[in-house]
Amino acid sequence: MTIYYISDQAEILQKDLTELEKQIGTENWAQAQLLYKDFKNNWSKIDHRWSMLIDHYEIDYINMDLGELEAYIKNKDKSNAMAKISSLQLLVKHIPEKEYPTLKNIL
């Protein structure tokens, strides 16, 4: 059941990141800042739950990327913000895949 929960939370985070990516892509910086704050609030709730279940270095990478993304949004740096969102999407997608028990993860 825990794995399913992580997958659900990761899917929500992915959707939020996709919406944020759209706003940055159209350079709607005011909306991007609001979406970033919402994402950060959602992440802070999930972060505490996930830290009991997954490797801390992955959470640390997400937190570092979020800090950088915030600076890019504030500075209206589209290209770096888009790159950072891609990195966050990859990290968020990877967590449930990594935590799901498979032979690949065991060996």
Protein backbone atom coordinates (compact mmCIF):
# COMPACT_ATOMS: atom_id res chain seq x y z
CA MET A 1 0.00 0.00 0.00
CA THR A 2 2.88 2.37 0.71
CA ILE A 3 4.22 2.06 -2.83
CA TYR A 4 0.81 2.93 -4.23
CA TYR A 5 0.72 6.02 -2.02
CA ILE A 6 4.13 7.16 -3.24
CA SER A 7 2.98 6.69 -6.84
CA ASP A 8 -0.14 8.77 -6.25
CA GLN A 9 1.82 11.57 -4.64
CA ALA A 10 4.44 11.50 -7.39
CA GLU A 11 1.71 11.75 -10.02
CA ILE A 12 0.24 14.83 -8.32
CA LEU A 13 3.68 16.43 -8.16
CA GLN A 14 4.27 15.63 -11.83
CA LYS A 15 1.02 17.32 -12.82
CA ASP A 16 1.93 20.39 -10.77
CA LEU A 17 5.34 20.55 -12.44
CA THR A 18 3.77 20.23 -15.88
CA GLU A 19 1.46 23.17 -15.17
CA LEU A 20 4.38 25.19 -13.83
CA GLU A 21 6.37 24.33 -16.96
CA LYS A 22 3.53 25.64 -19.15
CA GLN A 23 3.44 28.96 -17.31
CA ILE A 24 7.19 29.40 -17.54
CA GLY A 25 7.09 28.42 -21.21
CA THR A 26 4.67 31.26 -21.90
CA GLU A 27 6.65 33.54 -19.58
CA ASN A 28 3.68 34.10 -17.30
CA TRP A 29 5.99 34.81 -14.34
CA ALA A 30 3.33 35.96 -11.88
CA GLN A 31 1.36 32.74 -12.32
CA ALA A 32 4.59 30.72 -12.27
CA GLN A 33 5.49 32.21 -8.87
CA LEU A 34 2.07 31.29 -7.49
CA LEU A 35 2.30 27.75 -8.84
CA TYR A 36 5.82 27.43 -7.48
CA LYS A 37 4.62 28.43 -4.00
CA ASP A 38 1.76 25.91 -4.21
CA PHE A 39 4.15 23.20 -5.35
CA LYS A 40 6.60 24.03 -2.56
CA ASN A 41 3.80 23.82 0.04
CA ASN A 42 2.61 20.48 -1.33
CA TRP A 43 6.18 19.22 -1.44
CA SER A 44 6.84 20.19 2.18
CA LYS A 45 3.93 17.96 3.26
CA ILE A 46 5.04 15.06 1.09
CA ASP A 47 8.72 15.52 1.95
CA HIS A 48 8.15 14.56 5.59
CA ARG A 49 6.26 11.41 4.63
CA TRP A 50 8.68 10.31 1.94
CA SER A 51 11.75 10.88 4.08
CA MET A 52 10.67 7.93 6.22
CA LEU A 53 10.47 5.67 3.18
CA ILE A 54 13.11 6.63 0.64
CA ASP A 55 16.77 7.58 0.39
CA HIS A 56 17.44 11.02 1.75
CA TYR A 57 19.81 12.00 -1.03
CA GLU A 58 16.91 12.00 -3.52
CA ILE A 59 14.91 14.31 -1.27
CA ASP A 60 17.98 16.52 -0.89
CA TYR A 61 18.32 16.75 -4.69
CA ILE A 62 14.68 17.77 -5.01
CA ASN A 63 15.09 20.41 -2.32
CA MET A 64 18.23 21.80 -3.97
CA ASP A 65 16.54 21.90 -7.37
CA LEU A 66 13.56 23.70 -5.86
CA GLY A 67 15.84 26.35 -4.39
CA GLU A 68 17.46 26.92 -7.76
CA LEU A 69 14.11 26.92 -9.54
CA GLU A 70 12.83 29.63 -7.21
CA ALA A 71 15.79 31.86 -8.10
CA TYR A 72 15.29 31.25 -11.83
CA ILE A 73 11.61 32.15 -11.61
CA LYS A 74 12.35 35.31 -9.62
CA ASN A 75 14.94 36.33 -12.22
CA LYS A 76 12.66 35.36 -15.11
CA ASP A 77 15.32 33.01 -16.46
CA LYS A 78 13.22 30.83 -18.73
CA SER A 79 15.90 28.51 -20.03
CA ASN A 80 17.38 27.58 -16.66
CA ALA A 81 13.92 27.31 -15.09
CA MET A 82 12.81 24.90 -17.82
CA ALA A 83 15.96 22.82 -17.35
CA LYS A 84 15.41 22.69 -13.58
CA ILE A 85 11.79 21.60 -14.02
CA SER A 86 12.96 18.78 -16.30
CA SER A 87 15.37 17.69 -13.59
CA LEU A 88 12.62 17.79 -10.95
CA GLN A 89 10.27 15.80 -13.17
CA LEU A 90 12.89 13.13 -13.62
CA LEU A 91 13.59 12.93 -9.88
CA VAL A 92 9.91 12.78 -8.94
CA LYS A 93 9.22 10.14 -11.60
CA HIS A 94 12.20 8.06 -10.52
CA ILE A 95 11.25 7.75 -6.83
CA PRO A 96 8.20 5.44 -7.17
CA GLU A 97 9.99 3.42 -9.85
CA LYS A 98 12.97 2.94 -7.56
CA GLU A 99 10.91 2.08 -4.49
CA TYR A 100 8.69 -0.44 -6.23
CA PRO A 101 10.11 -3.90 -5.53
CA THR A 102 11.42 -5.48 -8.73
CA LEU A 103 14.32 -7.76 -9.57
CA LYS A 104 16.09 -4.72 -11.00
CA ASN A 105 15.94 -2.99 -7.60
CA ILE A 106 16.91 -6.09 -5.63
CA LEU A 107 19.91 -7.13 -7.73
